[in-house]
Amino acid sequence: IHGANPKLITRQIGVVPSFGRDDLGFHCLNTVFMLTPKDRSPDISYVMGLLNSTLIATYWKNRFYDQRDRFPKIKGTY
């Protein structure tokens, strides 16, 4: 999965996740979460747009934000 192409990545620290697209298959260590599609439907750019939406950010902040001032973790139930 580390060298998957394409994949979506997001940092592990922050109030809400912010996803980016990796089309080059860079190897990622344990500082990011990686999402890879099982097939090409729906388009990965569409999924990234949904995950970066204000609606998802609001939901995430209300449901998973750990209220830390320093290094809030983007972790929750997988």
PDB file of N, CA and C in Angstrom:
ATOM      1  N   ILE A   1       0.830  -1.200   0.000  1.00  0.00           N
ATOM      2  CA  ILE A   1       0.000   0.000   0.000  1.00  0.00           C
ATOM      3  C   ILE A   1       0.870   1.258   0.000  1.00  0.00           C
ATOM      4  N   HIS A   2       2.077   1.185   0.535  1.00  0.00           N
ATOM      5  CA  HIS A   2       2.930   2.369   0.622  1.00  0.00           C
ATOM      6  C   HIS A   2       3.288   2.917  -0.753  1.00  0.00           C
ATOM      7  N   GLY A   3       3.463   2.061  -1.722  1.00  0.00           N
ATOM      8  CA  GLY A   3       3.820   2.509  -3.062  1.00  0.00           C
ATOM      9  C   GLY A   3       2.650   2.547  -4.021  1.00  0.00           C
ATOM     10  N   ALA A   4       1.431   2.463  -3.501  1.00  0.00           N
ATOM     11  CA  ALA A   4       0.235   2.428  -4.352  1.00  0.00           C
ATOM     12  C   ALA A   4       0.130   3.702  -5.188  1.00  0.00           C
ATOM     13  N   ASN A   5      -0.486   3.548  -6.341  1.00  0.00           N
ATOM     14  CA  ASN A   5      -0.631   4.661  -7.261  1.00  0.00           C
ATOM     15  C   ASN A   5      -1.960   4.512  -7.989  1.00  0.00           C
ATOM     16  N   PRO A   6      -2.935   5.378  -7.826  1.00  0.00           N
ATOM     17  CA  PRO A   6      -2.978   6.567  -6.989  1.00  0.00           C
ATOM     18  C   PRO A   6      -3.425   6.221  -5.569  1.00  0.00           C
ATOM     19  N   LYS A   7      -3.224   7.152  -4.668  1.00  0.00           N
ATOM     20  CA  LYS A   7      -3.717   7.009  -3.300  1.00  0.00           C
ATOM     21  C   LYS A   7      -3.978   8.387  -2.726  1.00  0.00           C
ATOM     22  N   LEU A   8      -4.801   8.423  -1.695  1.00  0.00           N
ATOM     23  CA  LEU A   8      -5.052   9.652  -0.951  1.00  0.00           C
ATOM     24  C   LEU A   8      -4.292   9.553   0.358  1.00  0.00           C
ATOM     25  N   ILE A   9      -3.702  10.667   0.777  1.00  0.00           N
ATOM     26  CA  ILE A   9      -2.978  10.680   2.040  1.00  0.00           C
ATOM     27  C   ILE A   9      -3.461  11.844   2.889  1.00  0.00           C
ATOM     28  N   THR A  10      -3.403  11.669   4.203  1.00  0.00           N
ATOM     29  CA  THR A  10      -3.721  12.735   5.141  1.00  0.00           C
ATOM     30  C   THR A  10      -2.791  12.618   6.336  1.00  0.00           C
ATOM     31  N   ARG A  11      -2.498  13.720   6.930  1.00  0.00           N
ATOM     32  CA  ARG A  11      -1.610  13.742   8.090  1.00  0.00           C
ATOM     33  C   ARG A  11      -2.286  13.112   9.305  1.00  0.00           C
ATOM     34  N   GLN A  12      -1.508  12.745  10.290  1.00  0.00           N
ATOM     35  CA  GLN A  12      -2.057  12.161  11.510  1.00  0.00           C
ATOM     36  C   GLN A  12      -2.272  13.192  12.606  1.00  0.00           C
ATOM     37  N   ILE A  13      -1.797  14.418  12.397  1.00  0.00           N
ATOM     38  CA  ILE A  13      -1.945  15.461  13.411  1.00  0.00           C
ATOM     39  C   ILE A  13      -2.705  16.629  12.805  1.00  0.00           C
ATOM     40  N   GLY A  14      -3.695  17.111  13.542  1.00  0.00           N
ATOM     41  CA  GLY A  14      -4.494  18.246  13.097  1.00  0.00           C
ATOM     42  C   GLY A  14      -5.897  18.153  13.647  1.00  0.00           C
ATOM     43  N   VAL A  15      -6.645  19.213  13.516  1.00  0.00           N
ATOM     44  CA  VAL A  15      -8.019  19.231  14.012  1.00  0.00           C
ATOM     45  C   VAL A  15      -8.922  18.392  13.111  1.00  0.00           C
ATOM     46  N   VAL A  16      -8.783  18.578  11.800  1.00  0.00           N
ATOM     47  CA  VAL A  16      -9.555  17.805  10.825  1.00  0.00           C
ATOM     48  C   VAL A  16      -8.592  17.257   9.765  1.00  0.00           C
ATOM     49  N   PRO A  17      -8.933  16.142   9.156  1.00  0.00           N
ATOM     50  CA  PRO A  17      -8.065  15.619   8.096  1.00  0.00           C
ATOM     51  C   PRO A  17      -8.119  16.492   6.846  1.00  0.00           C
ATOM     52  N   SER A  18      -7.008  16.589   6.166  1.00  0.00           N
ATOM     53  CA  SER A  18      -6.909  17.313   4.911  1.00  0.00           C
ATOM     54  C   SER A  18      -6.229  16.379   3.912  1.00  0.00           C
ATOM     55  N   PHE A  19      -6.989  15.894   2.953  1.00  0.00           N
ATOM     56  CA  PHE A  19      -6.498  14.866   2.038  1.00  0.00           C
ATOM     57  C   PHE A  19      -5.833  15.462   0.812  1.00  0.00           C
ATOM     58  N   GLY A  20      -4.797  14.791   0.363  1.00  0.00           N
ATOM     59  CA  GLY A  20      -4.111  15.127  -0.869  1.00  0.00           C
ATOM     60  C   GLY A  20      -3.965  13.870  -1.704  1.00  0.00           C
ATOM     61  N   ARG A  21      -3.678  14.057  -2.970  1.00  0.00           N
ATOM     62  CA  ARG A  21      -3.584  12.933  -3.905  1.00  0.00           C
ATOM     63  C   ARG A  21      -2.127  12.657  -4.249  1.00  0.00           C
ATOM     64  N   ASP A  22      -1.736  11.390  -4.215  1.00  0.00           N
ATOM     65  CA  ASP A  22      -0.393  10.969  -4.600  1.00  0.00           C
ATOM     66  C   ASP A  22      -0.516  10.112  -5.853  1.00  0.00           C
ATOM     67  N   ASP A  23      -0.120  10.671  -6.985  1.00  0.00           N
ATOM     68  CA  ASP A  23      -0.182   9.944  -8.255  1.00  0.00           C
ATOM     69  C   ASP A  23       1.150   9.328  -8.646  1.00  0.00           C
ATOM     70  N   LEU A  24       2.189   9.587  -7.864  1.00  0.00           N
ATOM     71  CA  LEU A  24       3.514   9.106  -8.224  1.00  0.00           C
ATOM     72  C   LEU A  24       3.926   7.854  -7.448  1.00  0.00           C
ATOM     73  N   GLY A  25       3.141   7.450  -6.469  1.00  0.00           N
ATOM     74  CA  GLY A  25       3.442   6.232  -5.721  1.00  0.00           C
ATOM     75  C   GLY A  25       4.591   6.386  -4.749  1.00  0.00           C
ATOM     76  N   PHE A  26       4.723   7.572  -4.151  1.00  0.00           N
ATOM     77  CA  PHE A  26       5.763   7.758  -3.148  1.00  0.00           C
ATOM     78  C   PHE A  26       5.541   6.814  -1.975  1.00  0.00           C
ATOM     79  N   HIS A  27       6.602   6.344  -1.382  1.00  0.00           N
ATOM     80  CA  HIS A  27       6.497   5.501  -0.200  1.00  0.00           C
ATOM     81  C   HIS A  27       6.235   6.396   1.004  1.00  0.00           C
ATOM     82  N   CYS A  28       5.204   6.070   1.754  1.00  0.00           N
ATOM     83  CA  CYS A  28       4.816   6.856   2.915  1.00  0.00           C
ATOM     84  C   CYS A  28       5.085   6.042   4.175  1.00  0.00           C
ATOM     85  N   LEU A  29       5.577   6.699   5.180  1.00  0.00           N
ATOM     86  CA  LEU A  29       5.818   6.033   6.446  1.00  0.00           C
ATOM     87  C   LEU A  29       4.591   6.180   7.327  1.00  0.00           C
ATOM     88  N   ASN A  30       4.758   6.005   8.619  1.00  0.00           N
ATOM     89  CA  ASN A  30       3.619   6.023   9.532  1.00  0.00           C
ATOM     90  C   ASN A  30       3.232   7.427   9.993  1.00  0.00           C
ATOM     91  N   THR A  31       3.597   8.464   9.250  1.00  0.00           N
ATOM     92  CA  THR A  31       3.202   9.824   9.609  1.00  0.00           C
ATOM     93  C   THR A  31       1.929  10.255   8.898  1.00  0.00           C
ATOM     94  N   VAL A  32       1.439   9.439   7.984  1.00  0.00           N
ATOM     95  CA  VAL A  32       0.209   9.748   7.255  1.00  0.00           C
ATOM     96  C   VAL A  32      -0.677   8.515   7.200  1.00  0.00           C
ATOM     97  N   PHE A  33      -1.956   8.764   7.013  1.00  0.00           N
ATOM     98  CA  PHE A  33      -2.898   7.691   6.710  1.00  0.00           C
ATOM     99  C   PHE A  33      -3.051   7.630   5.204  1.00  0.00           C
ATOM    100  N   MET A  34      -3.158   6.439   4.663  1.00  0.00           N
ATOM    101  CA  MET A  34      -3.260   6.251   3.218  1.00  0.00           C
ATOM    102  C   MET A  34      -4.575   5.569   2.874  1.00  0.00           C
ATOM    103  N   LEU A  35      -5.237   6.054   1.849  1.00  0.00           N
ATOM    104  CA  LEU A  35      -6.451   5.438   1.323  1.00  0.00           C
ATOM    105  C   LEU A  35      -6.197   5.064  -0.125  1.00  0.00           C
ATOM    106  N   THR A  36      -6.455   3.818  -0.454  1.00  0.00           N
ATOM    107  CA  THR A  36      -6.284   3.369  -1.833  1.00  0.00           C
ATOM    108  C   THR A  36      -7.608   2.819  -2.338  1.00  0.00           C
ATOM    109  N   PRO A  37      -7.942   3.105  -3.582  1.00  0.00           N
ATOM    110  CA  PRO A  37      -9.208   2.589  -4.129  1.00  0.00           C
ATOM    111  C   PRO A  37      -9.100   1.105  -4.456  1.00  0.00           C
ATOM    112  N   LYS A  38     -10.205   0.382  -4.245  1.00  0.00           N
ATOM    113  CA  LYS A  38     -10.249  -1.032  -4.636  1.00  0.00           C
ATOM    114  C   LYS A  38     -10.481  -1.164  -6.133  1.00  0.00           C
ATOM    115  N   ASP A  39     -11.177  -0.198  -6.690  1.00  0.00           N
ATOM    116  CA  ASP A  39     -11.385  -0.155  -8.138  1.00  0.00           C
ATOM    117  C   ASP A  39     -11.419   1.312  -8.556  1.00  0.00           C
ATOM    118  N   ARG A  40     -11.674   1.589  -9.780  1.00  0.00           N
ATOM    119  CA  ARG A  40     -11.617   2.971 -10.293  1.00  0.00           C
ATOM    120  C   ARG A  40     -12.948   3.703 -10.217  1.00  0.00           C
ATOM    121  N   SER A  41     -13.933   3.143  -9.534  1.00  0.00           N
ATOM    122  CA  SER A  41     -15.229   3.794  -9.456  1.00  0.00           C
ATOM    123  C   SER A  41     -15.606   3.961  -7.992  1.00  0.00           C
ATOM    124  N   PRO A  42     -15.892   5.115  -7.473  1.00  0.00           N
ATOM    125  CA  PRO A  42     -15.860   6.413  -8.133  1.00  0.00           C
ATOM    126  C   PRO A  42     -14.426   6.930  -8.281  1.00  0.00           C
ATOM    127  N   ASP A  43     -14.285   7.970  -9.058  1.00  0.00           N
ATOM    128  CA  ASP A  43     -12.972   8.564  -9.295  1.00  0.00           C
ATOM    129  C   ASP A  43     -12.354   9.032  -7.981  1.00  0.00           C
ATOM    130  N   ILE A  44     -11.054   8.818  -7.823  1.00  0.00           N
ATOM    131  CA  ILE A  44     -10.377   9.163  -6.572  1.00  0.00           C
ATOM    132  C   ILE A  44     -10.403  10.675  -6.301  1.00  0.00           C
ATOM    133  N   SER A  45     -10.448  11.490  -7.346  1.00  0.00           N
ATOM    134  CA  SER A  45     -10.547  12.943  -7.156  1.00  0.00           C
ATOM    135  C   SER A  45     -11.895  13.327  -6.568  1.00  0.00           C
ATOM    136  N   TYR A  46     -12.941  12.633  -6.945  1.00  0.00           N
ATOM    137  CA  TYR A  46     -14.275  12.859  -6.390  1.00  0.00           C
ATOM    138  C   TYR A  46     -14.296  12.517  -4.903  1.00  0.00           C
ATOM    139  N   VAL A  47     -13.698  11.381  -4.557  1.00  0.00           N
ATOM    140  CA  VAL A  47     -13.624  10.962  -3.154  1.00  0.00           C
ATOM    141  C   VAL A  47     -12.829  11.983  -2.343  1.00  0.00           C
ATOM    142  N   MET A  48     -11.721  12.474  -2.899  1.00  0.00           N
ATOM    143  CA  MET A  48     -10.918  13.484  -2.216  1.00  0.00           C
ATOM    144  C   MET A  48     -11.735  14.751  -1.985  1.00  0.00           C
ATOM    145  N   GLY A  49     -12.514  15.162  -2.969  1.00  0.00           N
ATOM    146  CA  GLY A  49     -13.367  16.333  -2.816  1.00  0.00           C
ATOM    147  C   GLY A  49     -14.385  16.167  -1.703  1.00  0.00           C
ATOM    148  N   LEU A  50     -14.972  14.992  -1.617  1.00  0.00           N
ATOM    149  CA  LEU A  50     -15.930  14.721  -0.534  1.00  0.00           C
ATOM    150  C   LEU A  50     -15.252  14.751   0.829  1.00  0.00           C
ATOM    151  N   LEU A  51     -14.099  14.105   0.933  1.00  0.00           N
ATOM    152  CA  LEU A  51     -13.397  14.036   2.216  1.00  0.00           C
ATOM    153  C   LEU A  51     -12.883  15.394   2.670  1.00  0.00           C
ATOM    154  N   ASN A  52     -12.606  16.293   1.741  1.00  0.00           N
ATOM    155  CA  ASN A  52     -12.132  17.634   2.080  1.00  0.00           C
ATOM    156  C   ASN A  52     -13.267  18.647   2.216  1.00  0.00           C
ATOM    157  N   SER A  53     -14.499  18.192   2.164  1.00  0.00           N
ATOM    158  CA  SER A  53     -15.648  19.100   2.215  1.00  0.00           C
ATOM    159  C   SER A  53     -15.850  19.679   3.619  1.00  0.00           C
ATOM    160  N   THR A  54     -16.529  20.791   3.670  1.00  0.00           N
ATOM    161  CA  THR A  54     -16.861  21.433   4.938  1.00  0.00           C
ATOM    162  C   THR A  54     -17.753  20.539   5.785  1.00  0.00           C
ATOM    163  N   LEU A  55     -18.659  19.810   5.158  1.00  0.00           N
ATOM    164  CA  LEU A  55     -19.554  18.912   5.880  1.00  0.00           C
ATOM    165  C   LEU A  55     -18.769  17.847   6.637  1.00  0.00           C
ATOM    166  N   ILE A  56     -17.826  17.202   5.976  1.00  0.00           N
ATOM    167  CA  ILE A  56     -17.013  16.163   6.622  1.00  0.00           C
ATOM    168  C   ILE A  56     -16.128  16.778   7.703  1.00  0.00           C
ATOM    169  N   ALA A  57     -15.569  17.969   7.445  1.00  0.00           N
ATOM    170  CA  ALA A  57     -14.730  18.640   8.446  1.00  0.00           C
ATOM    171  C   ALA A  57     -15.529  18.949   9.709  1.00  0.00           C
ATOM    172  N   THR A  58     -16.751  19.434   9.543  1.00  0.00           N
ATOM    173  CA  THR A  58     -17.606  19.725  10.694  1.00  0.00           C
ATOM    174  C   THR A  58     -17.956  18.455  11.448  1.00  0.00           C
ATOM    175  N   TYR A  59     -18.331  17.420  10.727  1.00  0.00           N
ATOM    176  CA  TYR A  59     -18.646  16.135  11.358  1.00  0.00           C
ATOM    177  C   TYR A  59     -17.429  15.613  12.116  1.00  0.00           C
ATOM    178  N   TRP A  60     -16.256  15.643  11.487  1.00  0.00           N
ATOM    179  CA  TRP A  60     -15.046  15.123  12.119  1.00  0.00           C
ATOM    180  C   TRP A  60     -14.721  15.891  13.398  1.00  0.00           C
ATOM    181  N   LYS A  61     -14.807  17.209  13.318  1.00  0.00           N
ATOM    182  CA  LYS A  61     -14.476  18.034  14.481  1.00  0.00           C
ATOM    183  C   LYS A  61     -15.421  17.753  15.639  1.00  0.00           C
ATOM    184  N   ASN A  62     -16.708  17.564  15.350  1.00  0.00           N
ATOM    185  CA  ASN A  62     -17.686  17.289  16.404  1.00  0.00           C
ATOM    186  C   ASN A  62     -17.598  15.863  16.937  1.00  0.00           C
ATOM    187  N   ARG A  63     -17.137  14.936  16.122  1.00  0.00           N
ATOM    188  CA  ARG A  63     -17.150  13.527  16.512  1.00  0.00           C
ATOM    189  C   ARG A  63     -15.796  13.013  17.005  1.00  0.00           C
ATOM    190  N   PHE A  64     -14.694  13.441  16.373  1.00  0.00           N
ATOM    191  CA  PHE A  64     -13.400  12.826  16.650  1.00  0.00           C
ATOM    192  C   PHE A  64     -12.340  13.766  17.226  1.00  0.00           C
ATOM    193  N   TYR A  65     -12.528  15.072  17.156  1.00  0.00           N
ATOM    194  CA  TYR A  65     -11.520  16.012  17.642  1.00  0.00           C
ATOM    195  C   TYR A  65     -11.290  15.804  19.128  1.00  0.00           C
ATOM    196  N   ASP A  66     -10.018  15.664  19.537  1.00  0.00           N
ATOM    197  CA  ASP A  66      -9.708  15.345  20.935  1.00  0.00           C
ATOM    198  C   ASP A  66      -9.479  16.577  21.819  1.00  0.00           C
ATOM    199  N   GLN A  67      -9.770  17.769  21.302  1.00  0.00           N
ATOM    200  CA  GLN A  67      -9.726  19.031  22.059  1.00  0.00           C
ATOM    201  C   GLN A  67      -8.339  19.371  22.599  1.00  0.00           C
ATOM    202  N   ARG A  68      -7.295  18.858  21.995  1.00  0.00           N
ATOM    203  CA  ARG A  68      -5.936  19.216  22.417  1.00  0.00           C
ATOM    204  C   ARG A  68      -5.498  20.499  21.722  1.00  0.00           C
ATOM    205  N   ASP A  69      -4.780  21.337  22.448  1.00  0.00           N
ATOM    206  CA  ASP A  69      -4.231  22.555  21.850  1.00  0.00           C
ATOM    207  C   ASP A  69      -2.975  22.266  21.040  1.00  0.00           C
ATOM    208  N   ARG A  70      -2.179  21.333  21.519  1.00  0.00           N
ATOM    209  CA  ARG A  70      -0.948  20.956  20.812  1.00  0.00           C
ATOM    210  C   ARG A  70      -1.064  19.537  20.292  1.00  0.00           C
ATOM    211  N   PHE A  71      -0.735  19.378  19.067  1.00  0.00           N
ATOM    212  CA  PHE A  71      -0.702  18.080  18.390  1.00  0.00           C
ATOM    213  C   PHE A  71      -2.000  17.278  18.537  1.00  0.00           C
ATOM    214  N   PRO A  72      -3.133  17.854  18.157  1.00  0.00           N
ATOM    215  CA  PRO A  72      -4.358  17.046  18.167  1.00  0.00           C
ATOM    216  C   PRO A  72      -4.201  15.897  17.160  1.00  0.00           C
ATOM    217  N   LYS A  73      -4.686  14.727  17.530  1.00  0.00           N
ATOM    218  CA  LYS A  73      -4.492  13.551  16.698  1.00  0.00           C
ATOM    219  C   LYS A  73      -5.706  13.306  15.819  1.00  0.00           C
ATOM    220  N   ILE A  74      -5.440  12.992  14.562  1.00  0.00           N
ATOM    221  CA  ILE A  74      -6.501  12.593  13.643  1.00  0.00           C
ATOM    222  C   ILE A  74      -6.574  11.078  13.719  1.00  0.00           C
ATOM    223  N   LYS A  75      -7.243  10.632  14.740  1.00  0.00           N
ATOM    224  CA  LYS A  75      -7.434   9.203  14.940  1.00  0.00           C
ATOM    225  C   LYS A  75      -8.838   9.013  15.459  1.00  0.00           C
ATOM    226  N   GLY A  76      -9.352   7.874  15.272  1.00  0.00           N
ATOM    227  CA  GLY A  76     -10.687   7.561  15.748  1.00  0.00           C
ATOM    228  C   GLY A  76     -10.929   6.102  15.498  1.00  0.00           C
ATOM    229  N   THR A  77     -12.155   5.747  15.329  1.00  0.00           N
ATOM    230  CA  THR A  77     -12.510   4.373  15.043  1.00  0.00           C
ATOM    231  C   THR A  77     -12.261   4.105  13.572  1.00  0.00           C
ATOM    232  N   TYR A  78     -11.524   3.072  13.277  1.00  0.00           N
ATOM    233  CA  TYR A  78     -11.210   2.751  11.896  1.00  0.00           C
ATOM    234  C   TYR A  78     -12.349   1.984  11.275  1.00  0.00           C
TER     235      TYR A  78
END
